[in-house]
Amino acid sequence: MRASCNNRCMLKTQSLATPDTATGTNPADTITDKRGYAARWHFSVRKIDDLLAAGLPHCKIGQRRVRIMVAEADAWMRQQFQTQRRAA
């Protein structure tokens, strides 16, 4: 499982600047860091740290970097808390 997580992170971070032609979305919108995910949900970074400890899907790069796949994390949030992200 660890290898697939690393592969997904590498694949998504390699082409962050160019939009995906198949879906028409920018991959930068699908992967973020703790601060970006905290801003998305109007949470503190500390709350995101607590959610990561509770099992929020993420990829850890090295000792400190954490990348969160937004679609997977949002699905986990819906499953765990039966909630959806607030509208911006």
N, C-alpha and C. Protein backbone atom coordinates (compact mmCIF):
# COMPACT_ATOMS: atom_id res chain seq x y z
N MET A 1 0.82 -1.18 0.00
CA MET A 1 0.00 0.00 0.00
C MET A 1 0.87 1.25 0.00
N ARG A 2 1.97 1.21 0.67
CA ARG A 2 2.87 2.37 0.74
C ARG A 2 3.40 2.73 -0.64
N ALA A 3 3.74 1.72 -1.46
CA ALA A 3 4.27 1.99 -2.79
C ALA A 3 3.23 2.66 -3.67
N SER A 4 1.97 2.22 -3.58
CA SER A 4 0.94 2.83 -4.41
C SER A 4 0.70 4.27 -4.00
N CYS A 5 0.77 4.56 -2.71
CA CYS A 5 0.61 5.93 -2.23
C CYS A 5 1.72 6.81 -2.80
N ASN A 6 2.95 6.33 -2.74
CA ASN A 6 4.07 7.10 -3.28
C ASN A 6 3.94 7.29 -4.79
N ASN A 7 3.48 6.27 -5.49
CA ASN A 7 3.31 6.38 -6.93
C ASN A 7 2.25 7.42 -7.27
N ARG A 8 1.13 7.44 -6.54
CA ARG A 8 0.09 8.41 -6.81
C ARG A 8 0.60 9.83 -6.57
N CYS A 9 1.34 10.01 -5.48
CA CYS A 9 1.87 11.35 -5.18
C CYS A 9 2.82 11.81 -6.27
N MET A 10 3.70 10.92 -6.70
CA MET A 10 4.66 11.30 -7.73
C MET A 10 3.96 11.61 -9.04
N LEU A 11 2.99 10.80 -9.41
CA LEU A 11 2.29 11.02 -10.67
C LEU A 11 1.53 12.34 -10.65
N LYS A 12 0.91 12.67 -9.54
CA LYS A 12 0.11 13.88 -9.48
C LYS A 12 0.96 15.12 -9.33
N THR A 13 2.10 15.03 -8.66
CA THR A 13 2.91 16.22 -8.46
C THR A 13 3.79 16.53 -9.65
N GLN A 14 4.00 15.57 -10.55
CA GLN A 14 4.85 15.82 -11.70
C GLN A 14 4.20 16.79 -12.68
N SER A 15 2.89 16.80 -12.78
CA SER A 15 2.22 17.61 -13.79
C SER A 15 1.23 18.60 -13.18
N LEU A 16 1.61 19.26 -12.10
CA LEU A 16 0.69 20.16 -11.43
C LEU A 16 0.37 21.41 -12.25
N ALA A 17 1.23 21.78 -13.16
CA ALA A 17 1.03 23.04 -13.89
C ALA A 17 0.10 22.89 -15.09
N THR A 18 -0.05 21.68 -15.62
CA THR A 18 -0.84 21.51 -16.83
C THR A 18 -2.17 20.84 -16.52
N PRO A 19 -3.26 21.32 -17.14
CA PRO A 19 -4.55 20.69 -16.93
C PRO A 19 -4.61 19.31 -17.53
N ASP A 20 -5.39 18.45 -16.95
CA ASP A 20 -5.59 17.10 -17.45
C ASP A 20 -6.54 17.19 -18.64
N THR A 21 -6.11 16.70 -19.79
CA THR A 21 -6.92 16.83 -20.99
C THR A 21 -8.13 15.90 -20.97
N ALA A 22 -8.05 14.78 -20.28
CA ALA A 22 -9.17 13.84 -20.26
C ALA A 22 -10.34 14.38 -19.44
N THR A 23 -10.06 15.00 -18.30
CA THR A 23 -11.13 15.46 -17.43
C THR A 23 -11.34 16.96 -17.50
N GLY A 24 -10.35 17.70 -18.02
CA GLY A 24 -10.46 19.14 -18.10
C GLY A 24 -10.22 19.84 -16.77
N THR A 25 -9.72 19.10 -15.79
CA THR A 25 -9.44 19.70 -14.48
C THR A 25 -7.96 19.88 -14.29
N ASN A 26 -7.60 20.79 -13.42
CA ASN A 26 -6.20 21.02 -13.10
C ASN A 26 -5.82 20.09 -11.95
N PRO A 27 -4.80 19.24 -12.12
CA PRO A 27 -4.40 18.32 -11.06
C PRO A 27 -4.01 19.04 -9.77
N ALA A 28 -3.65 20.31 -9.83
CA ALA A 28 -3.31 21.04 -8.61
C ALA A 28 -4.52 21.15 -7.70
N ASP A 29 -5.72 21.02 -8.25
CA ASP A 29 -6.93 21.06 -7.45
C ASP A 29 -7.20 19.73 -6.76
N THR A 30 -6.51 18.68 -7.17
CA THR A 30 -6.81 17.36 -6.63
C THR A 30 -5.84 16.92 -5.55
N ILE A 31 -4.75 17.65 -5.34
CA ILE A 31 -3.78 17.30 -4.32
C ILE A 31 -3.34 18.58 -3.62
N THR A 32 -3.23 18.52 -2.29
CA THR A 32 -2.90 19.72 -1.53
C THR A 32 -2.10 19.34 -0.29
N ASP A 33 -1.67 20.34 0.44
CA ASP A 33 -0.97 20.10 1.70
C ASP A 33 -1.93 20.31 2.87
N LYS A 34 -1.40 20.24 4.09
CA LYS A 34 -2.25 20.37 5.27
C LYS A 34 -2.91 21.74 5.35
N ARG A 35 -2.16 22.78 5.03
CA ARG A 35 -2.73 24.14 5.09
C ARG A 35 -3.86 24.31 4.08
N GLY A 36 -3.64 23.81 2.87
CA GLY A 36 -4.67 23.92 1.84
C GLY A 36 -5.93 23.16 2.20
N TYR A 37 -5.76 21.97 2.76
CA TYR A 37 -6.94 21.18 3.14
C TYR A 37 -7.64 21.81 4.34
N ALA A 38 -6.88 22.38 5.25
CA ALA A 38 -7.48 23.08 6.39
C ALA A 38 -8.31 24.27 5.91
N ALA A 39 -7.79 25.03 4.96
CA ALA A 39 -8.53 26.17 4.42
C ALA A 39 -9.78 25.71 3.69
N ARG A 40 -9.69 24.59 3.00
CA ARG A 40 -10.84 24.05 2.26
C ARG A 40 -12.00 23.74 3.19
N TRP A 41 -11.71 23.21 4.38
CA TRP A 41 -12.75 22.82 5.34
C TRP A 41 -12.97 23.86 6.44
N HIS A 42 -12.25 24.97 6.41
CA HIS A 42 -12.34 25.99 7.46
C HIS A 42 -11.95 25.42 8.82
N PHE A 43 -10.89 24.60 8.81
CA PHE A 43 -10.34 23.99 10.02
C PHE A 43 -8.98 24.60 10.30
N SER A 44 -8.46 24.34 11.50
CA SER A 44 -7.08 24.70 11.80
C SER A 44 -6.16 23.58 11.30
N VAL A 45 -4.88 23.89 11.15
CA VAL A 45 -3.91 22.88 10.75
C VAL A 45 -3.81 21.80 11.84
N ARG A 46 -3.96 22.19 13.09
CA ARG A 46 -3.93 21.23 14.20
C ARG A 46 -5.07 20.21 14.06
N LYS A 47 -6.24 20.64 13.64
CA LYS A 47 -7.37 19.73 13.42
C LYS A 47 -7.03 18.74 12.30
N ILE A 48 -6.37 19.22 11.25
CA ILE A 48 -5.97 18.33 10.16
C ILE A 48 -4.95 17.31 10.68
N ASP A 49 -4.02 17.74 11.55
CA ASP A 49 -3.08 16.80 12.16
C ASP A 49 -3.83 15.72 12.93
N ASP A 50 -4.86 16.10 13.67
CA ASP A 50 -5.67 15.13 14.41
C ASP A 50 -6.39 14.18 13.47
N LEU A 51 -6.91 14.70 12.36
CA LEU A 51 -7.59 13.85 11.38
C LEU A 51 -6.61 12.90 10.70
N LEU A 52 -5.39 13.36 10.42
CA LEU A 52 -4.37 12.48 9.85
C LEU A 52 -4.06 11.33 10.80
N ALA A 53 -3.98 11.63 12.09
CA ALA A 53 -3.73 10.59 13.09
C ALA A 53 -4.91 9.62 13.17
N ALA A 54 -6.11 10.11 12.87
CA ALA A 54 -7.31 9.27 12.93
C ALA A 54 -7.51 8.45 11.66
N GLY A 55 -6.70 8.70 10.61
CA GLY A 55 -6.78 7.88 9.41
C GLY A 55 -7.11 8.60 8.13
N LEU A 56 -7.10 9.93 8.11
CA LEU A 56 -7.35 10.67 6.88
C LEU A 56 -6.33 10.24 5.82
N PRO A 57 -6.77 9.83 4.62
CA PRO A 57 -5.84 9.37 3.59
C PRO A 57 -4.86 10.47 3.17
N HIS A 58 -3.58 10.10 3.11
CA HIS A 58 -2.54 11.06 2.74
C HIS A 58 -1.30 10.32 2.29
N CYS A 59 -0.38 11.05 1.70
CA CYS A 59 0.95 10.54 1.36
C CYS A 59 1.96 11.34 2.15
N LYS A 60 2.86 10.65 2.82
CA LYS A 60 3.92 11.33 3.55
C LYS A 60 5.18 11.26 2.69
N ILE A 61 5.76 12.42 2.44
CA ILE A 61 6.96 12.51 1.61
C ILE A 61 8.10 12.93 2.52
N GLY A 62 9.02 12.04 2.74
CA GLY A 62 10.12 12.33 3.66
C GLY A 62 9.63 12.36 5.10
N GLN A 63 10.29 13.15 5.93
CA GLN A 63 9.94 13.22 7.34
C GLN A 63 8.81 14.19 7.63
N ARG A 64 8.68 15.25 6.83
CA ARG A 64 7.76 16.33 7.17
C ARG A 64 6.63 16.59 6.18
N ARG A 65 6.88 16.41 4.92
CA ARG A 65 5.89 16.79 3.92
C ARG A 65 4.72 15.80 3.88
N VAL A 66 3.54 16.36 3.85
CA VAL A 66 2.31 15.57 3.75
C VAL A 66 1.50 16.12 2.59
N ARG A 67 1.05 15.25 1.72
CA ARG A 67 0.19 15.63 0.61
C ARG A 67 -1.12 14.87 0.75
N ILE A 68 -2.20 15.59 0.53
CA ILE A 68 -3.54 15.02 0.72
C ILE A 68 -4.25 15.02 -0.63
N MET A 69 -4.74 13.85 -1.04
CA MET A 69 -5.54 13.74 -2.25
C MET A 69 -6.95 14.16 -1.87
N VAL A 70 -7.39 15.27 -2.44
CA VAL A 70 -8.63 15.91 -2.01
C VAL A 70 -9.84 15.00 -2.17
N ALA A 71 -9.99 14.33 -3.30
CA ALA A 71 -11.15 13.48 -3.53
C ALA A 71 -11.20 12.34 -2.51
N GLU A 72 -10.07 11.70 -2.26
CA GLU A 72 -10.03 10.59 -1.30
C GLU A 72 -10.30 11.08 0.12
N ALA A 73 -9.71 12.21 0.46
CA ALA A 73 -9.90 12.75 1.81
C ALA A 73 -11.33 13.21 2.02
N ASP A 74 -11.93 13.84 1.01
CA ASP A 74 -13.33 14.26 1.13
C ASP A 74 -14.25 13.05 1.28
N ALA A 75 -13.97 11.99 0.54
CA ALA A 75 -14.77 10.76 0.66
C ALA A 75 -14.62 10.18 2.06
N TRP A 76 -13.41 10.20 2.61
CA TRP A 76 -13.18 9.71 3.97
C TRP A 76 -13.95 10.55 4.99
N MET A 77 -13.94 11.87 4.80
CA MET A 77 -14.68 12.77 5.71
C MET A 77 -16.17 12.47 5.66
N ARG A 78 -16.71 12.25 4.45
CA ARG A 78 -18.14 11.92 4.33
C ARG A 78 -18.45 10.60 5.02
N GLN A 79 -17.56 9.62 4.84
CA GLN A 79 -17.78 8.30 5.44
C GLN A 79 -17.68 8.36 6.96
N GLN A 80 -16.71 9.07 7.48
CA GLN A 80 -16.48 9.11 8.93
C GLN A 80 -17.50 9.97 9.66
N PHE A 81 -17.84 11.11 9.07
CA PHE A 81 -18.63 12.10 9.79
C PHE A 81 -19.96 12.44 9.12
N GLN A 82 -20.29 11.77 8.02
CA GLN A 82 -21.52 12.06 7.27
C GLN A 82 -21.67 13.56 7.04
N THR A 83 -20.61 14.16 6.54
CA THR A 83 -20.60 15.61 6.32
C THR A 83 -20.03 15.94 4.96
N GLN A 84 -20.29 17.16 4.53
CA GLN A 84 -19.73 17.64 3.27
C GLN A 84 -19.08 18.99 3.51
N ARG A 85 -18.20 19.37 2.62
CA ARG A 85 -17.48 20.63 2.73
C ARG A 85 -18.44 21.80 2.61
N ARG A 86 -18.21 22.83 3.41
CA ARG A 86 -19.02 24.05 3.31
C ARG A 86 -18.77 24.75 1.98
N ALA A 87 -19.78 25.42 1.48
CA ALA A 87 -19.62 26.20 0.26
C ALA A 87 -18.74 27.40 0.55
N ALA A 88 -17.93 27.78 -0.42
CA ALA A 88 -17.01 28.91 -0.22
C ALA A 88 -17.70 30.24 -0.23
